[in-house]
PDB file of N, CA and C in Angstrom:
ATOM      1  N   MET A   1      -5.475 -20.445  68.179  1.00  0.00           N
ATOM      2  CA  MET A   1      -5.191 -19.596  67.038  1.00  0.00           C
ATOM      3  C   MET A   1      -6.444 -18.814  66.636  1.00  0.00           C
ATOM      4  N   LEU A   2      -6.214 -17.727  65.922  1.00  0.00           N
ATOM      5  CA  LEU A   2      -7.333 -16.943  65.431  1.00  0.00           C
ATOM      6  C   LEU A   2      -7.984 -17.657  64.257  1.00  0.00           C
ATOM      7  N   LYS A   3      -9.286 -17.620  64.240  1.00  0.00           N
ATOM      8  CA  LYS A   3      -9.995 -18.237  63.130  1.00  0.00           C
ATOM      9  C   LYS A   3     -10.169 -17.223  62.008  1.00  0.00           C
ATOM     10  N   ARG A   4     -10.233 -17.707  60.781  1.00  0.00           N
ATOM     11  CA  ARG A   4     -10.450 -16.814  59.648  1.00  0.00           C
ATOM     12  C   ARG A   4     -11.885 -16.325  59.658  1.00  0.00           C
ATOM     13  N   ARG A   5     -12.052 -15.091  59.228  1.00  0.00           N
ATOM     14  CA  ARG A   5     -13.395 -14.518  59.152  1.00  0.00           C
ATOM     15  C   ARG A   5     -13.925 -14.679  57.739  1.00  0.00           C
ATOM     16  N   ARG A   6     -15.231 -14.806  57.609  1.00  0.00           N
ATOM     17  CA  ARG A   6     -15.826 -14.911  56.272  1.00  0.00           C
ATOM     18  C   ARG A   6     -15.844 -13.532  55.615  1.00  0.00           C
ATOM     19  N   THR A   7     -15.360 -13.470  54.388  1.00  0.00           N
ATOM     20  CA  THR A   7     -15.248 -12.180  53.707  1.00  0.00           C
ATOM     21  C   THR A   7     -16.251 -12.030  52.567  1.00  0.00           C
ATOM     22  N   HIS A   8     -17.050 -13.050  52.312  1.00  0.00           N
ATOM     23  CA  HIS A   8     -17.958 -12.980  51.169  1.00  0.00           C
ATOM     24  C   HIS A   8     -18.906 -11.787  51.281  1.00  0.00           C
ATOM     25  N   GLN A   9     -19.534 -11.642  52.447  1.00  0.00           N
ATOM     26  CA  GLN A   9     -20.476 -10.535  52.669  1.00  0.00           C
ATOM     27  C   GLN A   9     -19.764  -9.199  52.482  1.00  0.00           C
ATOM     28  N   PHE A  10     -18.569  -9.098  53.032  1.00  0.00           N
ATOM     29  CA  PHE A  10     -17.810  -7.857  52.928  1.00  0.00           C
ATOM     30  C   PHE A  10     -17.496  -7.541  51.472  1.00  0.00           C
ATOM     31  N   LYS A  11     -17.042  -8.528  50.718  1.00  0.00           N
ATOM     32  CA  LYS A  11     -16.707  -8.287  49.313  1.00  0.00           C
ATOM     33  C   LYS A  11     -17.940  -7.897  48.504  1.00  0.00           C
ATOM     34  N   ARG A  12     -19.072  -8.529  48.826  1.00  0.00           N
ATOM     35  CA  ARG A  12     -20.305  -8.194  48.112  1.00  0.00           C
ATOM     36  C   ARG A  12     -20.705  -6.755  48.415  1.00  0.00           C
ATOM     37  N   ASN A  13     -20.504  -6.323  49.652  1.00  0.00           N
ATOM     38  CA  ASN A  13     -20.857  -4.943  50.012  1.00  0.00           C
ATOM     39  C   ASN A  13     -19.933  -3.931  49.350  1.00  0.00           C
ATOM     40  N   THR A  14     -18.666  -4.262  49.246  1.00  0.00           N
ATOM     41  CA  THR A  14     -17.709  -3.268  48.750  1.00  0.00           C
ATOM     42  C   THR A  14     -17.638  -3.206  47.237  1.00  0.00           C
ATOM     43  N   SER A  15     -17.988  -4.287  46.563  1.00  0.00           N
ATOM     44  CA  SER A  15     -17.787  -4.286  45.106  1.00  0.00           C
ATOM     45  C   SER A  15     -18.774  -3.373  44.380  1.00  0.00           C
ATOM     46  N   HIS A  16     -19.919  -3.062  44.972  1.00  0.00           N
ATOM     47  CA  HIS A  16     -20.938  -2.248  44.290  1.00  0.00           C
ATOM     48  C   HIS A  16     -21.085  -0.856  44.905  1.00  0.00           C
ATOM     49  N   THR A  17     -20.038  -0.348  45.504  1.00  0.00           N
ATOM     50  CA  THR A  17     -20.148   0.958  46.149  1.00  0.00           C
ATOM     51  C   THR A  17     -19.175   1.954  45.525  1.00  0.00           C
ATOM     52  N   SER A  18     -19.305   3.182  45.990  1.00  0.00           N
ATOM     53  CA  SER A  18     -18.400   4.229  45.511  1.00  0.00           C
ATOM     54  C   SER A  18     -17.024   4.042  46.154  1.00  0.00           C
ATOM     55  N   PRO A  19     -15.980   4.582  45.537  1.00  0.00           N
ATOM     56  CA  PRO A  19     -14.631   4.436  46.088  1.00  0.00           C
ATOM     57  C   PRO A  19     -14.491   4.991  47.502  1.00  0.00           C
ATOM     58  N   ASN A  20     -15.165   6.117  47.781  1.00  0.00           N
ATOM     59  CA  ASN A  20     -15.066   6.686  49.131  1.00  0.00           C
ATOM     60  C   ASN A  20     -15.683   5.749  50.163  1.00  0.00           C
ATOM     61  N   ARG A  21     -16.840   5.233  49.832  1.00  0.00           N
ATOM     62  CA  ARG A  21     -17.513   4.290  50.743  1.00  0.00           C
ATOM     63  C   ARG A  21     -16.656   3.039  50.940  1.00  0.00           C
ATOM     64  N   ARG A  22     -16.035   2.589  49.868  1.00  0.00           N
ATOM     65  CA  ARG A  22     -15.170   1.417  49.929  1.00  0.00           C
ATOM     66  C   ARG A  22     -14.005   1.663  50.887  1.00  0.00           C
ATOM     67  N   ARG A  23     -13.433   2.857  50.802  1.00  0.00           N
ATOM     68  CA  ARG A  23     -12.324   3.210  51.691  1.00  0.00           C
ATOM     69  C   ARG A  23     -12.755   3.188  53.154  1.00  0.00           C
ATOM     70  N   VAL A  24     -13.921   3.737  53.426  1.00  0.00           N
ATOM     71  CA  VAL A  24     -14.439   3.762  54.794  1.00  0.00           C
ATOM     72  C   VAL A  24     -14.655   2.343  55.304  1.00  0.00           C
ATOM     73  N   LEU A  25     -15.249   1.496  54.471  1.00  0.00           N
ATOM     74  CA  LEU A  25     -15.509   0.114  54.881  1.00  0.00           C
ATOM     75  C   LEU A  25     -14.211  -0.630  55.165  1.00  0.00           C
ATOM     76  N   THR A  26     -13.218  -0.461  54.288  1.00  0.00           N
ATOM     77  CA  THR A  26     -11.965  -1.179  54.510  1.00  0.00           C
ATOM     78  C   THR A  26     -11.253  -0.656  55.749  1.00  0.00           C
ATOM     79  N   LYS A  27     -11.335   0.658  55.991  1.00  0.00           N
ATOM     80  CA  LYS A  27     -10.709   1.224  57.188  1.00  0.00           C
ATOM     81  C   LYS A  27     -11.354   0.654  58.448  1.00  0.00           C
ATOM     82  N   ASN A  28     -12.692   0.602  58.455  1.00  0.00           N
ATOM     83  CA  ASN A  28     -13.392   0.076  59.629  1.00  0.00           C
ATOM     84  C   ASN A  28     -13.067  -1.391  59.865  1.00  0.00           C
ATOM     85  N   SER A  29     -13.042  -2.158  58.790  1.00  0.00           N
ATOM     86  CA  SER A  29     -12.764  -3.587  58.965  1.00  0.00           C
ATOM     87  C   SER A  29     -11.317  -3.790  59.395  1.00  0.00           C
ATOM     88  N   HIS A  30     -10.422  -2.967  58.899  1.00  0.00           N
ATOM     89  CA  HIS A  30      -9.017  -3.088  59.288  1.00  0.00           C
ATOM     90  C   HIS A  30      -8.843  -2.780  60.778  1.00  0.00           C
ATOM     91  N   LYS A  31      -9.579  -1.791  61.266  1.00  0.00           N
ATOM     92  CA  LYS A  31      -9.526  -1.481  62.692  1.00  0.00           C
ATOM     93  C   LYS A  31      -9.988  -2.669  63.518  1.00  0.00           C
ATOM     94  N   LYS A  32     -11.027  -3.374  63.046  1.00  0.00           N
ATOM     95  CA  LYS A  32     -11.513  -4.557  63.751  1.00  0.00           C
ATOM     96  C   LYS A  32     -10.442  -5.641  63.794  1.00  0.00           C
ATOM     97  N   VAL A  33      -9.765  -5.822  62.662  1.00  0.00           N
ATOM     98  CA  VAL A  33      -8.707  -6.839  62.600  1.00  0.00           C
ATOM     99  C   VAL A  33      -7.597  -6.502  63.586  1.00  0.00           C
ATOM    100  N   LEU A  34      -7.189  -5.241  63.605  1.00  0.00           N
ATOM    101  CA  LEU A  34      -6.123  -4.831  64.517  1.00  0.00           C
ATOM    102  C   LEU A  34      -6.530  -5.030  65.969  1.00  0.00           C
ATOM    103  N   ASN A  35      -7.782  -4.697  66.291  1.00  0.00           N
ATOM    104  CA  ASN A  35      -8.250  -4.889  67.668  1.00  0.00           C
ATOM    105  C   ASN A  35      -8.285  -6.352  68.050  1.00  0.00           C
ATOM    106  N   ARG A  36      -8.703  -7.222  67.120  1.00  0.00           N
ATOM    107  CA  ARG A  36      -8.728  -8.656  67.399  1.00  0.00           C
ATOM    108  C   ARG A  36      -7.319  -9.186  67.631  1.00  0.00           C
ATOM    109  N   ARG A  37      -6.375  -8.724  66.816  1.00  0.00           N
ATOM    110  CA  ARG A  37      -4.986  -9.160  66.980  1.00  0.00           C
ATOM    111  C   ARG A  37      -4.431  -8.696  68.316  1.00  0.00           C
ATOM    112  N   LYS A  38      -4.757  -7.454  68.680  1.00  0.00           N
ATOM    113  CA  LYS A  38      -4.282  -6.914  69.950  1.00  0.00           C
ATOM    114  C   LYS A  38      -4.846  -7.713  71.121  1.00  0.00           C
ATOM    115  N   ALA A  39      -6.140  -8.020  71.064  1.00  0.00           N
ATOM    116  CA  ALA A  39      -6.778  -8.803  72.130  1.00  0.00           C
ATOM    117  C   ALA A  39      -6.160 -10.193  72.211  1.00  0.00           C
ATOM    118  N   PHE A  40      -5.890 -10.792  71.059  1.00  0.00           N
ATOM    119  CA  PHE A  40      -5.290 -12.119  71.043  1.00  0.00           C
ATOM    120  C   PHE A  40      -3.894 -12.077  71.654  1.00  0.00           C
ATOM    121  N   ALA A  41      -3.123 -11.044  71.338  1.00  0.00           N
ATOM    122  CA  ALA A  41      -1.776 -10.903  71.896  1.00  0.00           C
ATOM    123  C   ALA A  41      -1.829 -10.738  73.410  1.00  0.00           C
ATOM    124  N   ILE A  42      -2.793  -9.971  73.899  1.00  0.00           N
ATOM    125  CA  ILE A  42      -2.942  -9.784  75.343  1.00  0.00           C
ATOM    126  C   ILE A  42      -3.279 -11.106  76.018  1.00  0.00           C
ATOM    127  N   MET A  43      -4.169 -11.888  75.383  1.00  0.00           N
ATOM    128  CA  MET A  43      -4.506 -13.206  75.927  1.00  0.00           C
ATOM    129  C   MET A  43      -3.270 -14.096  76.000  1.00  0.00           C
ATOM    130  N   GLN A  44      -2.459 -14.074  74.951  1.00  0.00           N
ATOM    131  CA  GLN A  44      -1.240 -14.881  74.927  1.00  0.00           C
ATOM    132  C   GLN A  44      -0.287 -14.459  76.041  1.00  0.00           C
ATOM    133  N   MET A  45      -0.136 -13.154  76.230  1.00  0.00           N
ATOM    134  CA  MET A  45       0.760 -12.650  77.269  1.00  0.00           C
ATOM    135  C   MET A  45       0.270 -13.059  78.661  1.00  0.00           C
ATOM    136  N   ASP A  46      -1.038 -13.005  78.869  1.00  0.00           N
ATOM    137  CA  ASP A  46      -1.599 -13.423  80.160  1.00  0.00           C
ATOM    138  C   ASP A  46      -1.331 -14.896  80.422  1.00  0.00           C
ATOM    139  N   GLU A  47      -1.499 -15.729  79.395  1.00  0.00           N
ATOM    140  CA  GLU A  47      -1.245 -17.159  79.556  1.00  0.00           C
ATOM    141  C   GLU A  47       0.215 -17.413  79.901  1.00  0.00           C
ATOM    142  N   MET A  48       1.108 -16.706  79.221  1.00  0.00           N
ATOM    143  CA  MET A  48       2.537 -16.883  79.499  1.00  0.00           C
ATOM    144  C   MET A  48       2.878 -16.436  80.913  1.00  0.00           C
ATOM    145  N   ALA A  49       2.267 -15.332  81.358  1.00  0.00           N
ATOM    146  CA  ALA A  49       2.525 -14.831  82.707  1.00  0.00           C
ATOM    147  C   ALA A  49       2.043 -15.835  83.751  1.00  0.00           C
ATOM    148  N   GLU A  50       0.884 -16.446  83.508  1.00  0.00           N
ATOM    149  CA  GLU A  50       0.345 -17.447  84.447  1.00  0.00           C
ATOM    150  C   GLU A  50       1.262 -18.657  84.514  1.00  0.00           C
ATOM    151  N   LYS A  51       1.783 -19.098  83.357  1.00  0.00           N
ATOM    152  CA  LYS A  51       2.698 -20.243  83.338  1.00  0.00           C
ATOM    153  C   LYS A  51       3.964 -19.923  84.125  1.00  0.00           C
ATOM    154  N   ASN A  52       4.488 -18.721  83.912  1.00  0.00           N
ATOM    155  CA  ASN A  52       5.721 -18.330  84.613  1.00  0.00           C
ATOM    156  C   ASN A  52       5.484 -18.238  86.119  1.00  0.00           C
ATOM    157  N   GLU A  53       4.332 -17.728  86.521  1.00  0.00           N
ATOM    158  CA  GLU A  53       4.038 -17.634  87.951  1.00  0.00           C
ATOM    159  C   GLU A  53       3.910 -19.020  88.580  1.00  0.00           C
ATOM    160  N   SER A  54       3.239 -19.922  87.897  1.00  0.00           N
ATOM    161  CA  SER A  54       3.046 -21.266  88.444  1.00  0.00           C
ATOM    162  C   SER A  54       4.377 -22.023  88.483  1.00  0.00           C
ATOM    163  N   ALA A  55       5.259 -21.766  87.514  1.00  0.00           N
ATOM    164  CA  ALA A  55       6.556 -22.433  87.498  1.00  0.00           C
ATOM    165  C   ALA A  55       7.476 -21.863  88.567  1.00  0.00           C
ATOM    166  N   ALA A  56       7.306 -20.589  88.904  1.00  0.00           N
ATOM    167  CA  ALA A  56       8.176 -19.949  89.886  1.00  0.00           C
ATOM    168  C   ALA A  56       7.820 -20.333  91.314  1.00  0.00           C
ATOM    169  N   GLN A  57       6.557 -20.687  91.541  1.00  0.00           N
ATOM    170  CA  GLN A  57       6.133 -21.035  92.901  1.00  0.00           C
ATOM    171  C   GLN A  57       6.542 -22.465  93.228  1.00  0.00           C
ATOM    172  N   PRO A  58       7.239 -22.661  94.370  1.00  0.00           N
ATOM    173  CA  PRO A  58       7.594 -24.036  94.775  1.00  0.00           C
ATOM    174  C   PRO A  58       6.347 -24.760  95.265  1.00  0.00           C
ATOM    175  N   SER A  59       6.220 -26.029  94.918  1.00  0.00           N
ATOM    176  CA  SER A  59       5.049 -26.779  95.335  1.00  0.00           C
ATOM    177  C   SER A  59       5.342 -27.702  96.492  1.00  0.00           C
TER     178      SER A  59
END
């Protein structure tokens, strides 16, 4: 499973900035989250494909 990321540093950075800067920071961090989820999904699909291949091959 995916581990939770620490958000304390992020919250400290965003709470004392301008709204525009805050928007940029949240957009960048959201992109990171989406990329991590995508990578995790690809890993899951690869594992499932390997299981199916090993189950399909007669031993």
